[in-house]
Every structure is written in C-alpha cells, then in structure tokens.
Amino acid sequence: MKVKWKGKVDRKDIDEAFRTIVLGIYRDVIIGTPVDTGRARGNWQLAIGAQPAGESSTLDKGSVNNMSSQAGQSVTKADKKLGLRTVGRSAFIANNLPYIGRLEEGHSAQAKGFVQTAMNRAEAFLLHFD
C-alpha cells in the first residue's frame, strides 16, 4: 500500500501518524484478545528495534472489546516506549504465547481474527491519506 500525503508534510506529521497507527494496533489487539485466565491478553508486548523475546507475567482479565485498567496501563507504557521520534525506527508488536495463533484462528468462542481486525483498522486509517 502506498501512502500519499496531501499538502506539506514534515517529520512531526510522519511521527504522529506512525505513533497513531502503532498504538492503535497495539490497543486493538489487546482489547480484542479473548479472555479466560487473562494470560493471552496480558502477554502483548511492544518493542522498538527488535522483536520482544519471552513471555510476560502480566494478566489482564478485562472483557473482550473493552479497555481494562491493565490494558490502559499497557498502552500508556507503549506510548512512552515509542518516544517522540519514530521515523526510521521499527516497532514490533508480539505475543509469544504458543497458543496465540490458535486464538486468532477462532479457538475461543469469544473472538477470532482480532489481529486481522486490528490490521484492517490500521489500513482503513491509512487509506484516508490516499
């Protein structure tokens, strides 16, 4: 997909768009993740420059499609981790639990396709630049 900016664009505009997209995807995968013990939902990690390794011990027992206080804290931490300058940096969103793929494919009756849904929302956001 090619993004075309209308009008004058500076680094600050690009940084803000990148932050908006990354944080939107991160928030959407967290709140879309099915919840049983809260381990899958609490295991989403964001890292800059390299993919996160290992699993998180965080539990998030919020309900699907609702922002829990734990999810809010995770997004706030991710926002700080992104920093102000993002151009030229890679952001990685990962969940390293061995069963996260099965949840994405519909193993839980609560939700399926939550990662794809988050990506579709990000793509829709980008399309308004065309």
N, C-alpha and C. Protein backbone atom coordinates (compact mmCIF):
# COMPACT_ATOMS: atom_id res chain seq x y z
N MET A 1 0.84 -1.16 0.00
CA MET A 1 0.00 0.00 0.00
C MET A 1 0.89 1.23 0.00
N LYS A 2 0.54 2.19 -0.80
CA LYS A 2 1.29 3.43 -0.89
C LYS A 2 0.51 4.54 -0.21
N VAL A 3 1.20 5.30 0.63
CA VAL A 3 0.56 6.42 1.33
C VAL A 3 0.95 7.70 0.65
N LYS A 4 -0.03 8.47 0.27
CA LYS A 4 0.21 9.78 -0.35
C LYS A 4 -0.26 10.85 0.62
N TRP A 5 0.61 11.75 0.97
CA TRP A 5 0.27 12.84 1.87
C TRP A 5 -0.22 14.02 1.05
N LYS A 6 -1.23 14.66 1.54
CA LYS A 6 -1.75 15.85 0.88
C LYS A 6 -1.17 17.08 1.56
N GLY A 7 -0.60 17.97 0.79
CA GLY A 7 -0.03 19.19 1.36
C GLY A 7 1.36 18.96 1.90
N LYS A 8 1.84 19.95 2.61
CA LYS A 8 3.18 19.91 3.18
C LYS A 8 3.23 18.91 4.34
N VAL A 9 4.26 18.10 4.35
CA VAL A 9 4.43 17.10 5.39
C VAL A 9 5.82 17.26 5.99
N ASP A 10 5.88 17.23 7.30
CA ASP A 10 7.19 17.28 7.94
C ASP A 10 7.35 16.04 8.83
N ARG A 11 8.53 15.93 9.41
CA ARG A 11 8.85 14.76 10.23
C ARG A 11 7.84 14.59 11.37
N LYS A 12 7.40 15.69 11.95
CA LYS A 12 6.45 15.61 13.06
C LYS A 12 5.15 14.95 12.60
N ASP A 13 4.67 15.26 11.39
CA ASP A 13 3.45 14.65 10.86
C ASP A 13 3.62 13.13 10.71
N ILE A 14 4.78 12.74 10.19
CA ILE A 14 5.05 11.31 9.98
C ILE A 14 5.16 10.60 11.33
N ASP A 15 5.87 11.21 12.27
CA ASP A 15 5.98 10.64 13.62
C ASP A 15 4.60 10.44 14.24
N GLU A 16 3.75 11.43 14.13
CA GLU A 16 2.42 11.35 14.73
C GLU A 16 1.58 10.26 14.08
N ALA A 17 1.64 10.14 12.75
CA ALA A 17 0.90 9.09 12.05
C ALA A 17 1.40 7.71 12.47
N PHE A 18 2.72 7.55 12.55
CA PHE A 18 3.31 6.27 12.95
C PHE A 18 2.86 5.90 14.37
N ARG A 19 2.94 6.84 15.29
CA ARG A 19 2.52 6.59 16.67
C ARG A 19 1.05 6.21 16.73
N THR A 20 0.23 6.93 15.99
CA THR A 20 -1.22 6.66 15.98
C THR A 20 -1.50 5.26 15.48
N ILE A 21 -0.83 4.86 14.41
CA ILE A 21 -1.05 3.53 13.84
C ILE A 21 -0.56 2.44 14.78
N VAL A 22 0.66 2.57 15.27
CA VAL A 22 1.23 1.54 16.16
C VAL A 22 0.41 1.41 17.43
N LEU A 23 0.10 2.52 18.07
CA LEU A 23 -0.68 2.44 19.32
C LEU A 23 -2.10 1.94 19.07
N GLY A 24 -2.66 2.28 17.92
CA GLY A 24 -4.00 1.78 17.58
C GLY A 24 -4.00 0.27 17.40
N ILE A 25 -3.02 -0.25 16.69
CA ILE A 25 -2.92 -1.70 16.51
C ILE A 25 -2.71 -2.37 17.87
N TYR A 26 -1.79 -1.83 18.65
CA TYR A 26 -1.49 -2.41 19.96
C TYR A 26 -2.73 -2.44 20.84
N ARG A 27 -3.43 -1.32 20.93
CA ARG A 27 -4.67 -1.25 21.72
C ARG A 27 -5.70 -2.25 21.20
N ASP A 28 -5.88 -2.28 19.88
CA ASP A 28 -6.91 -3.14 19.31
C ASP A 28 -6.64 -4.63 19.51
N VAL A 29 -5.36 -5.06 19.40
CA VAL A 29 -5.09 -6.48 19.63
C VAL A 29 -5.29 -6.84 21.09
N ILE A 30 -4.94 -5.92 21.99
CA ILE A 30 -5.15 -6.20 23.41
C ILE A 30 -6.63 -6.36 23.71
N ILE A 31 -7.42 -5.36 23.35
CA ILE A 31 -8.84 -5.43 23.74
C ILE A 31 -9.62 -6.47 22.94
N GLY A 32 -9.10 -6.90 21.80
CA GLY A 32 -9.77 -7.92 21.01
C GLY A 32 -9.43 -9.35 21.41
N THR A 33 -8.39 -9.52 22.22
CA THR A 33 -7.94 -10.86 22.60
C THR A 33 -8.93 -11.52 23.55
N PRO A 34 -9.32 -12.76 23.26
CA PRO A 34 -10.23 -13.48 24.15
C PRO A 34 -9.62 -13.63 25.56
N VAL A 35 -10.49 -13.68 26.57
CA VAL A 35 -10.03 -13.73 27.95
C VAL A 35 -10.57 -14.97 28.66
N ASP A 36 -9.66 -15.73 29.22
CA ASP A 36 -10.01 -16.83 30.13
C ASP A 36 -9.27 -16.54 31.44
N THR A 37 -7.99 -16.82 31.46
CA THR A 37 -7.18 -16.52 32.65
C THR A 37 -6.60 -15.11 32.61
N GLY A 38 -6.62 -14.49 31.43
CA GLY A 38 -6.03 -13.17 31.25
C GLY A 38 -4.59 -13.21 30.78
N ARG A 39 -4.06 -14.41 30.66
CA ARG A 39 -2.66 -14.55 30.25
C ARG A 39 -2.43 -14.12 28.81
N ALA A 40 -3.29 -14.52 27.89
CA ALA A 40 -3.11 -14.15 26.48
C ALA A 40 -3.26 -12.65 26.29
N ARG A 41 -4.27 -12.09 26.89
CA ARG A 41 -4.49 -10.65 26.74
C ARG A 41 -3.37 -9.84 27.40
N GLY A 42 -2.84 -10.32 28.49
CA GLY A 42 -1.78 -9.62 29.19
C GLY A 42 -0.39 -9.82 28.60
N ASN A 43 -0.28 -10.68 27.59
CA ASN A 43 1.03 -11.02 27.05
C ASN A 43 1.44 -10.22 25.83
N TRP A 44 0.63 -9.29 25.39
CA TRP A 44 1.01 -8.45 24.26
C TRP A 44 2.16 -7.54 24.68
N GLN A 45 3.17 -7.45 23.83
CA GLN A 45 4.35 -6.65 24.12
C GLN A 45 4.68 -5.77 22.91
N LEU A 46 5.17 -4.60 23.18
CA LEU A 46 5.63 -3.70 22.12
C LEU A 46 7.10 -3.40 22.37
N ALA A 47 7.89 -3.48 21.32
CA ALA A 47 9.32 -3.17 21.43
C ALA A 47 9.74 -2.35 20.22
N ILE A 48 10.77 -1.56 20.40
CA ILE A 48 11.32 -0.74 19.33
C ILE A 48 12.67 -1.33 18.93
N GLY A 49 12.85 -1.56 17.64
CA GLY A 49 14.14 -2.00 17.12
C GLY A 49 14.33 -3.50 17.02
N ALA A 50 13.67 -4.28 17.85
CA ALA A 50 13.79 -5.74 17.81
C ALA A 50 12.55 -6.37 18.41
N GLN A 51 12.21 -7.55 17.91
CA GLN A 51 11.02 -8.24 18.41
C GLN A 51 11.20 -8.62 19.87
N PRO A 52 10.17 -8.42 20.69
CA PRO A 52 10.26 -8.81 22.10
C PRO A 52 10.46 -10.32 22.22
N ALA A 53 11.27 -10.72 23.17
CA ALA A 53 11.51 -12.14 23.42
C ALA A 53 10.83 -12.54 24.71
N GLY A 54 10.46 -13.78 24.80
CA GLY A 54 9.90 -14.30 26.03
C GLY A 54 8.45 -13.93 26.24
N GLU A 55 7.96 -14.37 27.38
CA GLU A 55 6.57 -14.14 27.75
C GLU A 55 6.50 -13.16 28.91
N SER A 56 5.38 -12.49 29.00
CA SER A 56 5.13 -11.55 30.09
C SER A 56 4.34 -12.26 31.19
N SER A 57 4.52 -11.85 32.41
CA SER A 57 3.75 -12.43 33.52
C SER A 57 2.48 -11.63 33.80
N THR A 58 2.24 -10.59 33.01
CA THR A 58 1.07 -9.73 33.20
C THR A 58 -0.21 -10.48 32.89
N LEU A 59 -1.20 -10.31 33.73
CA LEU A 59 -2.54 -10.86 33.49
C LEU A 59 -3.49 -9.70 33.26
N ASP A 60 -4.39 -9.86 32.29
CA ASP A 60 -5.40 -8.84 32.02
C ASP A 60 -6.72 -9.56 31.86
N LYS A 61 -7.56 -9.51 32.89
CA LYS A 61 -8.83 -10.24 32.89
C LYS A 61 -10.00 -9.39 32.44
N GLY A 62 -9.71 -8.29 31.74
CA GLY A 62 -10.78 -7.46 31.21
C GLY A 62 -11.61 -8.22 30.20
N SER A 63 -12.79 -7.74 29.91
CA SER A 63 -13.65 -8.43 28.95
C SER A 63 -13.27 -8.04 27.52
N VAL A 64 -13.58 -8.94 26.60
CA VAL A 64 -13.26 -8.73 25.19
C VAL A 64 -13.93 -7.46 24.68
N ASN A 65 -13.21 -6.69 23.91
CA ASN A 65 -13.65 -5.44 23.28
C ASN A 65 -13.93 -4.32 24.27
N ASN A 66 -13.36 -4.43 25.47
CA ASN A 66 -13.44 -3.36 26.45
C ASN A 66 -12.05 -3.07 26.99
N MET A 67 -11.78 -1.80 27.22
CA MET A 67 -10.47 -1.37 27.72
C MET A 67 -10.45 -1.52 29.23
N SER A 68 -9.66 -2.44 29.73
CA SER A 68 -9.49 -2.61 31.17
C SER A 68 -8.43 -1.64 31.66
N SER A 69 -8.32 -1.51 32.98
CA SER A 69 -7.27 -0.63 33.51
C SER A 69 -5.89 -1.18 33.16
N GLN A 70 -5.74 -2.51 33.15
CA GLN A 70 -4.45 -3.11 32.78
C GLN A 70 -4.13 -2.81 31.32
N ALA A 71 -5.12 -2.91 30.43
CA ALA A 71 -4.89 -2.59 29.01
C ALA A 71 -4.49 -1.14 28.86
N GLY A 72 -5.15 -0.26 29.60
CA GLY A 72 -4.81 1.16 29.56
C GLY A 72 -3.38 1.41 30.00
N GLN A 73 -2.95 0.71 31.06
CA GLN A 73 -1.57 0.84 31.53
C GLN A 73 -0.58 0.33 30.48
N SER A 74 -0.93 -0.76 29.81
CA SER A 74 -0.05 -1.31 28.77
C SER A 74 0.11 -0.34 27.61
N VAL A 75 -0.99 0.29 27.19
CA VAL A 75 -0.93 1.25 26.10
C VAL A 75 -0.15 2.49 26.51
N THR A 76 -0.32 2.94 27.74
CA THR A 76 0.44 4.10 28.24
C THR A 76 1.93 3.80 28.25
N LYS A 77 2.31 2.62 28.70
CA LYS A 77 3.73 2.22 28.69
C LYS A 77 4.26 2.17 27.26
N ALA A 78 3.46 1.64 26.35
CA ALA A 78 3.87 1.55 24.94
C ALA A 78 4.06 2.94 24.36
N ASP A 79 3.18 3.87 24.71
CA ASP A 79 3.28 5.24 24.22
C ASP A 79 4.60 5.86 24.67
N LYS A 80 4.97 5.65 25.92
CA LYS A 80 6.24 6.18 26.42
C LYS A 80 7.43 5.49 25.74
N LYS A 81 7.29 4.20 25.48
CA LYS A 81 8.36 3.44 24.85
C LYS A 81 8.62 3.93 23.42
N LEU A 82 7.56 4.32 22.74
CA LEU A 82 7.71 4.82 21.36
C LEU A 82 8.53 6.10 21.33
N GLY A 83 8.40 6.92 22.36
CA GLY A 83 9.15 8.17 22.38
C GLY A 83 8.60 9.17 21.36
N LEU A 84 9.27 10.28 21.23
CA LEU A 84 8.81 11.34 20.33
C LEU A 84 9.25 11.14 18.90
N ARG A 85 10.42 10.61 18.69
CA ARG A 85 10.94 10.43 17.33
C ARG A 85 10.79 8.98 16.90
N THR A 86 10.01 8.76 15.86
CA THR A 86 9.76 7.40 15.42
C THR A 86 10.20 7.13 13.98
N VAL A 87 10.42 8.16 13.20
CA VAL A 87 10.79 7.98 11.80
C VAL A 87 12.08 7.16 11.71
N GLY A 88 12.06 6.13 10.88
CA GLY A 88 13.23 5.29 10.69
C GLY A 88 13.39 4.18 11.72
N ARG A 89 12.47 4.10 12.66
CA ARG A 89 12.53 3.05 13.68
C ARG A 89 11.46 2.01 13.40
N SER A 90 11.72 0.78 13.78
CA SER A 90 10.75 -0.29 13.62
C SER A 90 10.08 -0.58 14.95
N ALA A 91 8.79 -0.77 14.91
CA ALA A 91 8.04 -1.15 16.10
C ALA A 91 7.55 -2.59 15.91
N PHE A 92 7.67 -3.38 16.95
CA PHE A 92 7.24 -4.77 16.92
C PHE A 92 6.18 -4.98 17.98
N ILE A 93 5.07 -5.57 17.58
CA ILE A 93 4.01 -5.95 18.50
C ILE A 93 3.96 -7.47 18.47
N ALA A 94 4.12 -8.09 19.62
CA ALA A 94 4.20 -9.55 19.65
C ALA A 94 3.48 -10.10 20.87
N ASN A 95 3.03 -11.32 20.71
CA ASN A 95 2.51 -12.11 21.81
C ASN A 95 3.17 -13.47 21.64
N ASN A 96 4.08 -13.81 22.53
CA ASN A 96 4.90 -15.00 22.37
C ASN A 96 4.33 -16.27 23.01
N LEU A 97 3.06 -16.23 23.38
CA LEU A 97 2.46 -17.44 23.92
C LEU A 97 2.26 -18.45 22.79
N PRO A 98 2.51 -19.72 23.05
CA PRO A 98 2.44 -20.72 21.98
C PRO A 98 1.04 -20.90 21.38
N TYR A 99 0.00 -20.50 22.10
CA TYR A 99 -1.37 -20.72 21.61
C TYR A 99 -2.04 -19.48 21.04
N ILE A 100 -1.32 -18.36 20.92
CA ILE A 100 -1.97 -17.12 20.45
C ILE A 100 -2.49 -17.28 19.01
N GLY A 101 -1.78 -18.04 18.20
CA GLY A 101 -2.24 -18.29 16.82
C GLY A 101 -3.56 -19.03 16.78
N ARG A 102 -3.71 -19.99 17.67
CA ARG A 102 -4.98 -20.74 17.73
C ARG A 102 -6.14 -19.83 18.15
N LEU A 103 -5.86 -18.91 19.09
CA LEU A 103 -6.90 -17.96 19.48
C LEU A 103 -7.29 -17.06 18.31
N GLU A 104 -6.29 -16.59 17.56
CA GLU A 104 -6.55 -15.76 16.38
C GLU A 104 -7.42 -16.50 15.37
N GLU A 105 -7.20 -17.81 15.26
CA GLU A 105 -7.95 -18.62 14.29
C GLU A 105 -9.33 -19.04 14.78
N GLY A 106 -9.69 -18.68 16.02
CA GLY A 106 -11.05 -18.95 16.49
C GLY A 106 -11.18 -20.05 17.51
N HIS A 107 -10.08 -20.45 18.16
CA HIS A 107 -10.14 -21.49 19.18
C HIS A 107 -11.09 -21.11 20.32
N SER A 108 -11.20 -19.84 20.62
CA SER A 108 -12.12 -19.36 21.64
C SER A 108 -13.40 -18.87 20.97
N ALA A 109 -14.52 -19.16 21.58
CA ALA A 109 -15.81 -18.69 21.04
C ALA A 109 -15.99 -17.18 21.24
N GLN A 110 -15.16 -16.57 22.12
CA GLN A 110 -15.30 -15.15 22.41
C GLN A 110 -14.95 -14.26 21.23
N ALA A 111 -13.87 -14.60 20.55
CA ALA A 111 -13.40 -13.73 19.46
C ALA A 111 -12.43 -14.49 18.58
N LYS A 112 -12.45 -14.20 17.31
CA LYS A 112 -11.43 -14.71 16.41
C LYS A 112 -11.07 -13.60 15.44
N GLY A 113 -9.88 -13.69 14.90
CA GLY A 113 -9.46 -12.69 13.93
C GLY A 113 -9.18 -11.33 14.54
N PHE A 114 -8.83 -11.26 15.81
CA PHE A 114 -8.61 -9.98 16.47
C PHE A 114 -7.37 -9.26 15.96
N VAL A 115 -6.35 -10.02 15.56
CA VAL A 115 -5.16 -9.38 14.97
C VAL A 115 -5.51 -8.84 13.58
N GLN A 116 -6.20 -9.64 12.79
CA GLN A 116 -6.60 -9.19 11.46
C GLN A 116 -7.51 -7.97 11.55
N THR A 117 -8.41 -7.96 12.51
CA THR A 117 -9.29 -6.81 12.71
C THR A 117 -8.47 -5.55 13.01
N ALA A 118 -7.48 -5.68 13.88
CA ALA A 118 -6.62 -4.54 14.22
C ALA A 118 -5.87 -4.05 12.98
N MET A 119 -5.39 -4.97 12.18
CA MET A 119 -4.67 -4.58 10.96
C MET A 119 -5.62 -3.91 9.95
N ASN A 120 -6.84 -4.41 9.85
CA ASN A 120 -7.82 -3.80 8.95
C ASN A 120 -8.14 -2.37 9.37
N ARG A 121 -8.24 -2.13 10.67
CA ARG A 121 -8.49 -0.77 11.16
C ARG A 121 -7.32 0.16 10.83
N ALA A 122 -6.11 -0.35 11.00
CA ALA A 122 -4.93 0.46 10.68
C ALA A 122 -4.90 0.77 9.18
N GLU A 123 -5.23 -0.20 8.37
CA GLU A 123 -5.25 0.02 6.93
C GLU A 123 -6.32 1.06 6.55
N ALA A 124 -7.47 0.99 7.18
CA ALA A 124 -8.53 1.97 6.93
C ALA A 124 -8.06 3.38 7.30
N PHE A 125 -7.34 3.47 8.41
CA PHE A 125 -6.79 4.77 8.81
C PHE A 125 -5.83 5.30 7.74
N LEU A 126 -4.98 4.43 7.24
CA LEU A 126 -4.01 4.84 6.22
C LEU A 126 -4.68 5.24 4.91
N LEU A 127 -5.76 4.57 4.57
CA LEU A 127 -6.43 4.85 3.30
C LEU A 127 -6.96 6.28 3.19
N HIS A 128 -7.20 6.92 4.32
CA HIS A 128 -7.71 8.28 4.23
C HIS A 128 -6.64 9.27 3.75
N PHE A 129 -5.38 8.79 3.65
CA PHE A 129 -4.31 9.64 3.12
C PHE A 129 -4.27 9.60 1.60
N ASP A 130 -4.86 8.58 0.99
CA ASP A 130 -4.83 8.47 -0.49
C ASP A 130 -5.60 9.58 -1.16
